[in-house]
Structure formats: C-alpha cells, structure tokens
N, C-alpha and C. Protein backbone atom coordinates (compact mmCIF):
# COMPACT_ATOMS: atom_id res chain seq x y z
N UNK A 1 -4.75 60.03 18.38
CA UNK A 1 -5.24 59.53 19.65
C UNK A 1 -6.16 58.35 19.37
N UNK A 2 -5.92 57.26 20.07
CA UNK A 2 -6.71 56.05 19.90
C UNK A 2 -7.35 55.71 21.24
N UNK A 3 -8.66 55.52 21.23
CA UNK A 3 -9.32 55.08 22.46
C UNK A 3 -9.32 53.57 22.46
N UNK A 4 -8.94 52.98 23.60
CA UNK A 4 -8.83 51.54 23.68
C UNK A 4 -9.56 51.01 24.89
N UNK A 5 -9.89 49.74 24.82
CA UNK A 5 -10.47 49.08 25.98
C UNK A 5 -9.35 48.50 26.83
N UNK A 6 -9.67 48.06 28.02
CA UNK A 6 -8.65 47.52 28.91
C UNK A 6 -8.07 46.23 28.35
N UNK A 7 -8.88 45.43 27.64
CA UNK A 7 -8.34 44.20 27.08
C UNK A 7 -7.30 44.50 26.01
N UNK A 8 -7.45 45.58 25.28
CA UNK A 8 -6.45 45.97 24.29
C UNK A 8 -5.15 46.32 24.98
N UNK A 9 -5.25 46.94 26.15
CA UNK A 9 -4.05 47.32 26.90
C UNK A 9 -3.22 46.10 27.23
N UNK A 10 -3.85 45.01 27.61
CA UNK A 10 -3.08 43.83 27.99
C UNK A 10 -2.39 43.18 26.80
N UNK A 11 -2.83 43.45 25.60
CA UNK A 11 -2.25 42.83 24.42
C UNK A 11 -1.12 43.65 23.82
N UNK A 12 -1.00 44.91 24.19
CA UNK A 12 -0.02 45.76 23.55
C UNK A 12 1.06 46.18 24.53
N UNK A 13 2.29 46.27 24.04
CA UNK A 13 3.41 46.78 24.83
C UNK A 13 3.67 48.18 24.29
N UNK A 14 3.12 49.17 24.97
CA UNK A 14 3.12 50.53 24.44
C UNK A 14 3.39 51.55 25.52
N UNK A 15 3.45 52.79 25.08
CA UNK A 15 3.46 53.92 25.99
C UNK A 15 2.01 54.38 26.10
N UNK A 16 1.53 54.50 27.31
CA UNK A 16 0.13 54.85 27.53
C UNK A 16 0.08 56.13 28.34
N UNK A 17 -0.67 57.09 27.90
CA UNK A 17 -0.80 58.31 28.70
C UNK A 17 -2.27 58.65 28.84
N UNK A 18 -2.63 59.16 30.01
CA UNK A 18 -4.02 59.50 30.26
C UNK A 18 -4.11 60.91 30.81
N UNK A 19 -3.95 61.93 29.98
CA UNK A 19 -4.00 63.30 30.46
C UNK A 19 -5.44 63.70 30.77
N UNK A 20 -6.34 63.33 29.88
CA UNK A 20 -7.73 63.75 30.05
C UNK A 20 -8.55 62.59 30.59
N UNK A 21 -9.58 62.92 31.32
CA UNK A 21 -10.46 61.94 31.94
C UNK A 21 -11.04 61.00 30.89
N UNK A 22 -10.86 59.71 31.11
CA UNK A 22 -11.48 58.73 30.25
C UNK A 22 -10.80 58.50 28.91
N UNK A 23 -9.67 59.11 28.65
CA UNK A 23 -8.99 58.95 27.37
C UNK A 23 -7.61 58.37 27.61
N UNK A 24 -7.24 57.40 26.80
CA UNK A 24 -5.91 56.81 26.89
C UNK A 24 -5.26 56.96 25.53
N UNK A 25 -4.13 57.64 25.49
CA UNK A 25 -3.39 57.77 24.24
C UNK A 25 -2.37 56.65 24.17
N UNK A 26 -2.25 56.03 23.00
CA UNK A 26 -1.30 54.94 22.85
C UNK A 26 -0.31 55.29 21.75
N UNK A 27 0.97 55.14 22.06
CA UNK A 27 2.04 55.33 21.09
C UNK A 27 2.88 54.08 21.10
N UNK A 28 3.34 53.65 19.94
CA UNK A 28 4.15 52.43 19.85
C UNK A 28 5.51 52.65 20.48
N UNK A 29 6.05 51.63 21.12
CA UNK A 29 7.41 51.66 21.65
C UNK A 29 8.04 50.29 21.44
N UNK A 30 9.32 50.18 21.70
CA UNK A 30 10.03 48.92 21.54
C UNK A 30 9.65 47.95 22.64
N UNK A 31 9.74 46.65 22.31
CA UNK A 31 9.52 45.62 23.32
C UNK A 31 10.66 45.64 24.31
N UNK A 32 10.35 45.43 25.57
CA UNK A 32 11.38 45.33 26.59
C UNK A 32 11.76 43.88 26.81
N UNK A 33 12.76 43.68 27.62
CA UNK A 33 13.18 42.33 28.00
C UNK A 33 12.06 41.69 28.81
N UNK A 34 11.92 40.39 28.76
CA UNK A 34 10.88 39.69 29.52
C UNK A 34 11.07 39.95 31.01
N UNK A 35 9.98 40.28 31.69
CA UNK A 35 10.04 40.59 33.11
C UNK A 35 9.63 39.38 33.93
N UNK A 36 9.85 39.49 35.23
CA UNK A 36 9.43 38.42 36.13
C UNK A 36 7.94 38.18 35.97
N UNK A 37 7.55 36.93 35.89
CA UNK A 37 6.13 36.61 35.77
C UNK A 37 5.57 36.91 34.40
N UNK A 38 6.39 37.25 33.41
CA UNK A 38 5.98 37.52 32.04
C UNK A 38 5.00 38.69 31.92
N UNK A 39 4.87 39.52 32.92
CA UNK A 39 4.05 40.71 32.81
C UNK A 39 4.96 41.91 32.54
N UNK A 40 4.54 42.81 31.69
CA UNK A 40 5.36 44.00 31.48
C UNK A 40 5.27 44.94 32.69
N UNK A 41 6.32 45.71 32.87
CA UNK A 41 6.37 46.72 33.91
C UNK A 41 6.43 48.08 33.27
N UNK A 42 5.91 49.10 33.99
CA UNK A 42 5.84 50.44 33.44
C UNK A 42 6.35 51.45 34.45
N UNK A 43 7.08 52.46 33.93
CA UNK A 43 7.34 53.64 34.73
C UNK A 43 6.04 54.42 34.74
N UNK A 44 5.68 54.95 35.89
CA UNK A 44 4.49 55.79 35.97
C UNK A 44 4.99 57.21 36.23
N UNK A 45 4.58 58.13 35.36
CA UNK A 45 5.09 59.50 35.42
C UNK A 45 3.96 60.49 35.21
N UNK A 46 4.24 61.72 35.61
CA UNK A 46 3.31 62.81 35.31
C UNK A 46 3.35 63.11 33.83
N UNK A 47 2.22 63.50 33.28
CA UNK A 47 2.19 63.99 31.91
C UNK A 47 2.97 65.30 31.87
N UNK A 48 3.99 65.38 31.04
CA UNK A 48 4.90 66.53 31.03
C UNK A 48 4.16 67.85 30.75
N UNK A 49 3.27 67.86 29.77
CA UNK A 49 2.54 69.08 29.43
C UNK A 49 1.71 69.57 30.62
N UNK A 50 1.08 68.65 31.31
CA UNK A 50 0.25 69.01 32.45
C UNK A 50 1.09 69.47 33.63
N UNK A 51 2.25 68.83 33.87
CA UNK A 51 3.10 69.15 35.02
C UNK A 51 3.59 70.60 34.97
N UNK A 52 3.72 71.15 33.78
CA UNK A 52 4.17 72.54 33.66
C UNK A 52 3.08 73.54 34.04
N UNK A 53 1.85 73.07 34.24
CA UNK A 53 0.73 73.96 34.52
C UNK A 53 0.50 74.25 35.99
N UNK A 54 1.40 73.82 36.87
CA UNK A 54 1.20 74.05 38.30
C UNK A 54 2.51 74.47 38.95
N UNK A 55 2.38 75.35 39.92
CA UNK A 55 3.50 75.72 40.77
C UNK A 55 3.08 75.47 42.21
N UNK A 56 3.84 74.60 42.88
CA UNK A 56 3.56 74.30 44.28
C UNK A 56 4.56 75.06 45.11
N UNK A 57 4.07 75.87 46.03
CA UNK A 57 4.96 76.60 46.93
C UNK A 57 5.42 75.66 48.04
N UNK A 58 6.71 75.53 48.17
CA UNK A 58 7.25 74.59 49.16
C UNK A 58 7.08 75.15 50.57
N UNK A 59 7.09 74.25 51.52
CA UNK A 59 6.98 74.62 52.92
C UNK A 59 8.32 74.41 53.60
N UNK A 60 8.63 75.25 54.55
CA UNK A 60 9.91 75.13 55.27
C UNK A 60 10.02 73.83 56.05
N UNK A 61 8.90 73.33 56.55
CA UNK A 61 8.94 72.12 57.38
C UNK A 61 8.86 70.82 56.57
N UNK A 62 8.86 70.91 55.23
CA UNK A 62 8.92 69.72 54.38
C UNK A 62 10.19 69.81 53.54
N UNK A 63 11.17 68.96 53.81
CA UNK A 63 12.41 69.01 53.02
C UNK A 63 12.15 68.67 51.55
N UNK A 64 12.86 69.34 50.65
CA UNK A 64 12.73 69.04 49.22
C UNK A 64 13.58 67.84 48.82
N UNK A 65 14.64 67.58 49.54
CA UNK A 65 15.49 66.44 49.25
C UNK A 65 14.77 65.18 49.71
N UNK A 66 14.67 64.19 48.82
CA UNK A 66 13.89 62.98 49.12
C UNK A 66 14.47 62.20 50.29
N UNK A 67 15.80 62.17 50.43
CA UNK A 67 16.41 61.45 51.55
C UNK A 67 16.10 62.13 52.87
N UNK A 68 16.19 63.46 52.91
CA UNK A 68 15.85 64.21 54.11
C UNK A 68 14.36 64.08 54.43
N UNK A 69 13.54 64.08 53.39
CA UNK A 69 12.09 63.91 53.58
C UNK A 69 11.79 62.56 54.23
N UNK A 70 12.41 61.51 53.72
CA UNK A 70 12.19 60.18 54.29
C UNK A 70 12.72 60.08 55.72
N UNK A 71 13.86 60.71 55.96
CA UNK A 71 14.48 60.68 57.29
C UNK A 71 13.62 61.38 58.34
N UNK A 72 13.01 62.49 57.97
CA UNK A 72 12.21 63.28 58.92
C UNK A 72 10.72 63.02 58.82
N UNK A 73 10.30 62.07 58.02
CA UNK A 73 8.89 61.85 57.73
C UNK A 73 8.04 61.69 59.00
N UNK A 74 8.52 60.91 59.95
CA UNK A 74 7.72 60.63 61.14
C UNK A 74 7.73 61.77 62.15
N UNK A 75 8.61 62.74 61.96
CA UNK A 75 8.64 63.91 62.84
C UNK A 75 7.71 65.02 62.34
N UNK A 76 7.25 64.92 61.12
CA UNK A 76 6.42 65.96 60.51
C UNK A 76 4.96 65.81 60.95
N UNK A 77 4.21 66.91 60.90
CA UNK A 77 2.78 66.84 61.27
C UNK A 77 2.00 65.91 60.33
N UNK A 78 0.83 65.49 60.75
CA UNK A 78 0.00 64.57 59.95
C UNK A 78 -0.60 65.24 58.73
N UNK A 79 -0.76 66.58 58.77
CA UNK A 79 -1.36 67.31 57.65
C UNK A 79 -0.55 68.55 57.33
N UNK A 80 -0.55 68.91 56.05
CA UNK A 80 0.10 70.12 55.57
C UNK A 80 -0.86 70.88 54.67
N UNK A 81 -0.67 72.17 54.60
CA UNK A 81 -1.39 72.99 53.64
C UNK A 81 -0.33 73.67 52.77
N UNK A 82 -0.45 73.50 51.46
CA UNK A 82 0.48 74.12 50.52
C UNK A 82 -0.30 74.95 49.52
N UNK A 83 0.21 76.15 49.24
CA UNK A 83 -0.42 77.00 48.24
C UNK A 83 0.10 76.62 46.86
N UNK A 84 -0.79 76.78 45.88
CA UNK A 84 -0.42 76.49 44.50
C UNK A 84 -0.91 77.60 43.58
N UNK A 85 -0.29 77.70 42.43
CA UNK A 85 -0.80 78.49 41.31
C UNK A 85 -0.89 77.53 40.15
N UNK A 86 -1.98 77.63 39.38
CA UNK A 86 -2.15 76.71 38.26
C UNK A 86 -2.74 77.44 37.07
N UNK A 87 -2.49 76.86 35.89
CA UNK A 87 -3.08 77.41 34.68
C UNK A 87 -4.52 76.95 34.58
N UNK A 88 -5.30 77.60 33.73
CA UNK A 88 -6.71 77.22 33.60
C UNK A 88 -6.88 75.84 32.97
N UNK A 89 -5.91 75.37 32.20
CA UNK A 89 -5.99 74.07 31.55
C UNK A 89 -5.43 72.93 32.40
N UNK A 90 -4.92 73.25 33.57
CA UNK A 90 -4.30 72.23 34.42
C UNK A 90 -5.33 71.22 34.89
N UNK A 91 -4.98 69.95 34.79
CA UNK A 91 -5.80 68.84 35.29
C UNK A 91 -5.07 68.27 36.49
N UNK A 92 -5.74 68.17 37.63
CA UNK A 92 -5.09 67.61 38.81
C UNK A 92 -4.79 66.13 38.54
N UNK A 93 -3.50 65.77 38.46
CA UNK A 93 -3.14 64.38 38.17
C UNK A 93 -3.22 63.51 39.42
N UNK A 94 -3.20 62.22 39.21
CA UNK A 94 -3.23 61.28 40.33
C UNK A 94 -1.85 61.04 40.93
N UNK A 95 -0.82 61.54 40.27
CA UNK A 95 0.54 61.46 40.78
C UNK A 95 1.26 62.75 40.40
N UNK A 96 1.87 63.39 41.38
CA UNK A 96 2.68 64.59 41.14
C UNK A 96 4.06 64.35 41.75
N UNK A 97 5.09 64.56 40.95
CA UNK A 97 6.45 64.29 41.41
C UNK A 97 7.37 65.50 41.26
N UNK A 98 6.85 66.64 40.79
CA UNK A 98 7.75 67.76 40.50
C UNK A 98 8.36 68.39 41.74
N UNK A 99 7.71 68.38 42.86
CA UNK A 99 8.28 68.93 44.10
C UNK A 99 8.38 67.83 45.16
N UNK A 100 7.26 67.24 45.48
CA UNK A 100 7.18 66.16 46.46
C UNK A 100 6.45 64.98 45.82
N UNK A 101 6.67 63.76 46.31
CA UNK A 101 5.88 62.64 45.79
C UNK A 101 4.46 62.68 46.37
N UNK A 102 3.53 63.20 45.58
CA UNK A 102 2.14 63.35 46.01
C UNK A 102 1.25 62.42 45.20
N UNK A 103 0.34 61.72 45.90
CA UNK A 103 -0.60 60.84 45.23
C UNK A 103 -2.02 61.24 45.61
N UNK A 104 -2.95 60.94 44.71
CA UNK A 104 -4.36 61.24 44.95
C UNK A 104 -4.99 60.15 45.81
N UNK A 105 -6.21 60.41 46.25
CA UNK A 105 -6.96 59.41 47.01
C UNK A 105 -7.19 58.17 46.17
N UNK A 106 -7.47 58.35 44.90
CA UNK A 106 -7.71 57.23 43.98
C UNK A 106 -6.45 56.35 43.87
N UNK A 107 -5.29 56.98 43.78
CA UNK A 107 -4.02 56.25 43.70
C UNK A 107 -3.76 55.50 45.00
N UNK A 108 -4.03 56.16 46.10
CA UNK A 108 -3.83 55.55 47.43
C UNK A 108 -4.73 54.33 47.61
N UNK A 109 -5.96 54.40 47.10
CA UNK A 109 -6.88 53.26 47.17
C UNK A 109 -6.32 52.04 46.45
N UNK A 110 -5.66 52.26 45.30
CA UNK A 110 -5.08 51.15 44.55
C UNK A 110 -3.91 50.54 45.33
N UNK A 111 -3.09 51.38 45.97
CA UNK A 111 -2.01 50.85 46.81
C UNK A 111 -2.58 49.96 47.91
N UNK A 112 -3.66 50.41 48.53
CA UNK A 112 -4.28 49.62 49.60
C UNK A 112 -4.94 48.35 49.05
N UNK A 113 -5.55 48.45 47.88
CA UNK A 113 -6.18 47.30 47.24
C UNK A 113 -5.17 46.18 47.02
N UNK A 114 -3.95 46.54 46.61
CA UNK A 114 -2.91 45.55 46.36
C UNK A 114 -2.09 45.24 47.62
N UNK A 115 -2.56 45.73 48.75
CA UNK A 115 -1.93 45.48 50.05
C UNK A 115 -0.46 45.90 50.07
N UNK A 116 -0.19 47.06 49.47
CA UNK A 116 1.15 47.61 49.45
C UNK A 116 1.27 48.57 50.63
N UNK A 117 2.19 48.25 51.52
CA UNK A 117 2.38 49.06 52.72
C UNK A 117 2.84 50.46 52.30
N UNK A 118 2.05 51.46 52.66
CA UNK A 118 2.43 52.83 52.34
C UNK A 118 2.15 53.72 53.53
N UNK A 119 3.02 54.70 53.69
CA UNK A 119 2.89 55.67 54.78
C UNK A 119 2.72 57.03 54.13
N UNK A 120 1.72 57.75 54.58
CA UNK A 120 1.41 59.03 53.94
C UNK A 120 1.10 60.10 54.98
N UNK A 121 1.22 61.33 54.52
CA UNK A 121 0.76 62.51 55.26
C UNK A 121 -0.21 63.24 54.34
N UNK A 122 -1.30 63.70 54.89
CA UNK A 122 -2.29 64.41 54.07
C UNK A 122 -1.76 65.80 53.72
N UNK A 123 -1.92 66.16 52.45
CA UNK A 123 -1.51 67.48 51.96
C UNK A 123 -2.72 68.13 51.30
N UNK A 124 -3.05 69.32 51.75
CA UNK A 124 -4.16 70.07 51.16
C UNK A 124 -3.56 71.15 50.27
N UNK A 125 -3.85 71.08 48.99
CA UNK A 125 -3.37 72.08 48.04
C UNK A 125 -4.45 73.14 47.88
N UNK A 126 -4.07 74.40 48.08
CA UNK A 126 -5.03 75.50 47.97
C UNK A 126 -4.60 76.42 46.85
N UNK A 127 -5.48 76.62 45.89
CA UNK A 127 -5.22 77.53 44.77
C UNK A 127 -5.24 78.96 45.28
N UNK A 128 -4.14 79.69 45.07
CA UNK A 128 -4.03 81.07 45.56
C UNK A 128 -5.09 81.97 44.96
N UNK A 129 -5.46 81.74 43.70
CA UNK A 129 -6.42 82.62 43.03
C UNK A 129 -7.87 82.32 43.39
N UNK A 130 -8.26 81.06 43.28
CA UNK A 130 -9.67 80.71 43.48
C UNK A 130 -10.00 80.26 44.90
N UNK A 131 -8.99 79.84 45.65
CA UNK A 131 -9.23 79.33 46.99
C UNK A 131 -9.73 77.89 47.02
N UNK A 132 -9.84 77.26 45.86
CA UNK A 132 -10.29 75.86 45.81
C UNK A 132 -9.23 74.95 46.40
N UNK A 133 -9.69 73.87 47.05
CA UNK A 133 -8.77 72.95 47.72
C UNK A 133 -8.85 71.57 47.08
N UNK A 134 -7.72 70.87 47.12
CA UNK A 134 -7.63 69.51 46.60
C UNK A 134 -6.77 68.70 47.56
N UNK A 135 -7.23 67.51 47.95
CA UNK A 135 -6.50 66.66 48.88
C UNK A 135 -5.55 65.72 48.14
N UNK A 136 -4.35 65.62 48.66
CA UNK A 136 -3.34 64.68 48.17
C UNK A 136 -2.67 64.05 49.37
N UNK A 137 -1.78 63.10 49.10
CA UNK A 137 -1.03 62.44 50.16
C UNK A 137 0.45 62.46 49.81
N UNK A 138 1.25 62.92 50.77
CA UNK A 138 2.70 62.88 50.65
C UNK A 138 3.13 61.46 50.94
N UNK A 139 3.88 60.87 50.02
CA UNK A 139 4.22 59.46 50.10
C UNK A 139 5.63 59.26 50.66
N UNK A 140 5.73 58.44 51.69
CA UNK A 140 7.02 58.01 52.23
C UNK A 140 7.57 56.96 51.28
N UNK A 141 8.79 57.17 50.77
CA UNK A 141 9.30 56.28 49.72
C UNK A 141 10.41 55.35 50.17
N UNK A 142 10.95 55.50 51.36
CA UNK A 142 12.09 54.68 51.77
C UNK A 142 11.77 53.19 51.74
N UNK A 143 10.61 52.81 52.25
CA UNK A 143 10.24 51.39 52.25
C UNK A 143 10.00 50.87 50.84
N UNK A 144 9.60 51.72 49.92
CA UNK A 144 9.36 51.30 48.54
C UNK A 144 10.67 51.16 47.76
N UNK A 145 11.70 51.90 48.18
CA UNK A 145 13.02 51.78 47.54
C UNK A 145 13.69 50.47 47.91
N UNK A 146 13.42 49.98 49.09
CA UNK A 146 14.08 48.77 49.60
C UNK A 146 13.23 47.51 49.45
N UNK A 147 12.16 47.57 48.71
CA UNK A 147 11.20 46.46 48.66
C UNK A 147 11.51 45.50 47.52
N UNK A 148 12.42 44.57 47.76
CA UNK A 148 12.75 43.57 46.74
C UNK A 148 11.61 42.57 46.53
N UNK A 149 10.79 42.38 47.55
CA UNK A 149 9.70 41.42 47.49
C UNK A 149 8.48 41.96 46.76
N UNK A 150 8.42 43.26 46.55
CA UNK A 150 7.25 43.90 45.98
C UNK A 150 7.41 44.02 44.47
N UNK A 151 6.64 43.25 43.71
CA UNK A 151 6.71 43.31 42.26
C UNK A 151 5.55 44.08 41.65
N UNK A 152 4.70 44.68 42.47
CA UNK A 152 3.55 45.42 41.96
C UNK A 152 3.83 46.90 41.81
N UNK A 153 4.47 47.49 42.82
CA UNK A 153 4.71 48.93 42.85
C UNK A 153 5.99 49.16 43.62
N UNK A 154 6.98 49.75 42.98
CA UNK A 154 8.23 50.01 43.69
C UNK A 154 8.82 51.33 43.23
N UNK A 155 9.60 51.90 44.11
CA UNK A 155 10.30 53.15 43.82
C UNK A 155 11.72 52.81 43.40
N UNK A 156 12.24 53.55 42.43
CA UNK A 156 13.63 53.38 41.99
C UNK A 156 14.27 54.77 41.94
N UNK A 157 15.56 54.79 42.23
CA UNK A 157 16.30 56.05 42.19
C UNK A 157 17.00 56.14 40.84
N UNK A 158 16.73 57.23 40.12
CA UNK A 158 17.35 57.43 38.82
C UNK A 158 18.75 58.01 38.99
N UNK A 159 19.48 58.12 37.89
CA UNK A 159 20.85 58.64 37.92
C UNK A 159 20.92 60.06 38.47
N UNK A 160 19.88 60.86 38.23
CA UNK A 160 19.86 62.24 38.72
C UNK A 160 19.35 62.35 40.16
N UNK A 161 19.27 61.20 40.86
CA UNK A 161 18.84 61.11 42.25
C UNK A 161 17.33 61.30 42.45
N UNK A 162 16.57 61.49 41.39
CA UNK A 162 15.13 61.60 41.51
C UNK A 162 14.51 60.22 41.67
N UNK A 163 13.33 60.20 42.26
CA UNK A 163 12.60 58.96 42.48
C UNK A 163 11.59 58.77 41.34
N UNK A 164 11.52 57.55 40.83
CA UNK A 164 10.49 57.17 39.87
C UNK A 164 9.79 55.93 40.42
N UNK A 165 8.60 55.68 39.91
CA UNK A 165 7.86 54.51 40.34
C UNK A 165 7.69 53.55 39.18
N UNK A 166 7.81 52.26 39.48
CA UNK A 166 7.59 51.21 38.50
C UNK A 166 6.41 50.38 38.98
N UNK A 167 5.47 50.11 38.06
CA UNK A 167 4.29 49.31 38.40
C UNK A 167 4.17 48.17 37.41
N UNK A 168 3.53 47.08 37.85
CA UNK A 168 3.30 45.99 36.91
C UNK A 168 1.99 46.25 36.15
N UNK A 169 1.70 45.40 35.20
CA UNK A 169 0.53 45.58 34.33
C UNK A 169 -0.77 45.58 35.13
N UNK A 170 -0.90 44.69 36.10
CA UNK A 170 -2.13 44.63 36.91
C UNK A 170 -2.37 45.93 37.64
N UNK A 171 -1.32 46.49 38.23
CA UNK A 171 -1.44 47.75 38.97
C UNK A 171 -1.83 48.87 38.00
N UNK A 172 -1.16 48.92 36.84
CA UNK A 172 -1.47 49.95 35.84
C UNK A 172 -2.92 49.86 35.39
N UNK A 173 -3.39 48.66 35.12
CA UNK A 173 -4.79 48.49 34.70
C UNK A 173 -5.76 48.91 35.79
N UNK A 174 -5.44 48.63 37.04
CA UNK A 174 -6.32 49.05 38.15
C UNK A 174 -6.42 50.57 38.23
N UNK A 175 -5.31 51.24 37.99
CA UNK A 175 -5.35 52.71 37.97
C UNK A 175 -6.20 53.21 36.80
N UNK A 176 -6.00 52.63 35.63
CA UNK A 176 -6.73 53.07 34.44
C UNK A 176 -8.22 52.83 34.59
N UNK A 177 -8.60 51.72 35.21
CA UNK A 177 -10.03 51.44 35.44
C UNK A 177 -10.67 52.48 36.35
N UNK A 178 -9.86 53.15 37.14
CA UNK A 178 -10.37 54.19 38.04
C UNK A 178 -10.26 55.58 37.43
N UNK A 179 -10.08 55.63 36.12
CA UNK A 179 -10.04 56.89 35.36
C UNK A 179 -8.98 57.86 35.87
N UNK A 180 -7.75 57.36 35.99
CA UNK A 180 -6.66 58.23 36.41
C UNK A 180 -6.48 59.36 35.40
N UNK A 181 -5.93 60.45 35.88
CA UNK A 181 -5.73 61.63 35.05
C UNK A 181 -4.29 62.11 35.16
N UNK A 182 -3.78 62.65 34.07
CA UNK A 182 -2.51 63.36 34.08
C UNK A 182 -1.27 62.52 34.31
N UNK A 183 -1.36 61.21 34.07
CA UNK A 183 -0.18 60.37 34.24
C UNK A 183 0.08 59.56 32.98
N UNK A 184 1.31 59.08 32.85
CA UNK A 184 1.71 58.27 31.71
C UNK A 184 2.33 56.98 32.20
N UNK A 185 2.18 55.94 31.42
CA UNK A 185 2.83 54.66 31.68
C UNK A 185 3.78 54.41 30.53
N UNK A 186 5.08 54.28 30.84
CA UNK A 186 6.09 54.03 29.83
C UNK A 186 6.73 52.69 30.15
N UNK A 187 6.71 51.77 29.18
CA UNK A 187 7.20 50.42 29.44
C UNK A 187 8.67 50.43 29.81
N UNK A 188 9.01 49.64 30.82
CA UNK A 188 10.38 49.46 31.25
C UNK A 188 11.06 48.52 30.27
N UNK A 189 12.24 48.92 29.82
CA UNK A 189 12.92 48.10 28.82
C UNK A 189 14.07 47.30 29.40
N UNK A 190 14.36 47.43 30.69
CA UNK A 190 15.41 46.63 31.31
C UNK A 190 14.79 45.77 32.38
N UNK A 191 15.53 44.84 32.91
CA UNK A 191 15.02 43.93 33.93
C UNK A 191 14.73 44.68 35.22
N UNK A 192 13.60 44.34 35.84
CA UNK A 192 13.19 44.98 37.08
C UNK A 192 13.55 44.11 38.26
C-alpha cells in the first residue's frame, strides 16, 4: 500500500482504490489509448471486498432491473427505507451498485459541483441489528446513458447489461479530495 498525494495521482495511470478513509492504494496497470482532451478516464466501482459485507433487502416498489427502474423512476415516492445487514468490518462506500445505483451525499455534491444533471430519490438504509441509519440517493441513470456531451461522468451499459460509471481525472480527483470510501478507480483502456 502506497500513500500518495493528489499531484502524484495526476502523474500516474494506475488503478486506484480507496477502501479505508484517507488511504489510496495504487497498483500499476497498462496505459490506455489517449482519451478526449488527453485526460485519462476511469471506471468507478465498489471495492469488491467491501461490497460483500452488506446485504440490502430489496423493496417491491423499486424494480431491480435498471431499465424498469429508469422507466418508473418518476412514479416512485421521493423517499424509501431499505433494511440492510452488514458485517462489522463493512465501510459505507460512496457508491453502491450491487442492487441499486446508490450514491452518498458526498458523491452527489461532486455531481452538482460539476453541474451534471442528476435525478435522485432519497434512500434511508437501516441496519436490522443496530438500527443505525445512513442516507443515500437512488440515481436515475437514463440521462447519463444518453449523454454524449458529458465527458466528466457518464453511465455505460456493460455486456452483462449492468451499468458502470466512467469519470474523467478531474472528477476522480474531486471525489478523492473529499475522502471517498469503498470505491475503486480503474483506468479505461478503450476510447470513451
């Protein structure tokens, strides 16, 4: 594990993961093709080890299929409460994609900072054992899938029909400066 400053991040084309608060792990990866504007782009993902530490109980009124979720998004209530079970080592990440696309308040602030149009519903996660609550936002992704003009943050559909997010270096650095937790940045190796 190597601790780095933000200036080091801009000089290296690497895989960056931030599972723990204030720590950035760097692993070497191959250089990708030059991207628009000569800035590297990164897939932003949940830390795999951390993602296994939570179980989110789905709600009947929130479709699990991303297309159905986007289609019915505006018909759903403004707030949801979902029960969770988590391990003692679980760190609440700033992005959760295992059931629904959920983002933290910190992540949402960065979207707003970069003036990225986003539509959200508030989701309150309640731990079944302790009763502790954590606020997240359910993210509407249809507009992000169709955003050819947006080079900062966009959604892409993978071969398995799952949604992933791609961010540019500026967006990634803004998240890291806000001490994001439980997410990884993996450099995109094809043209965005």
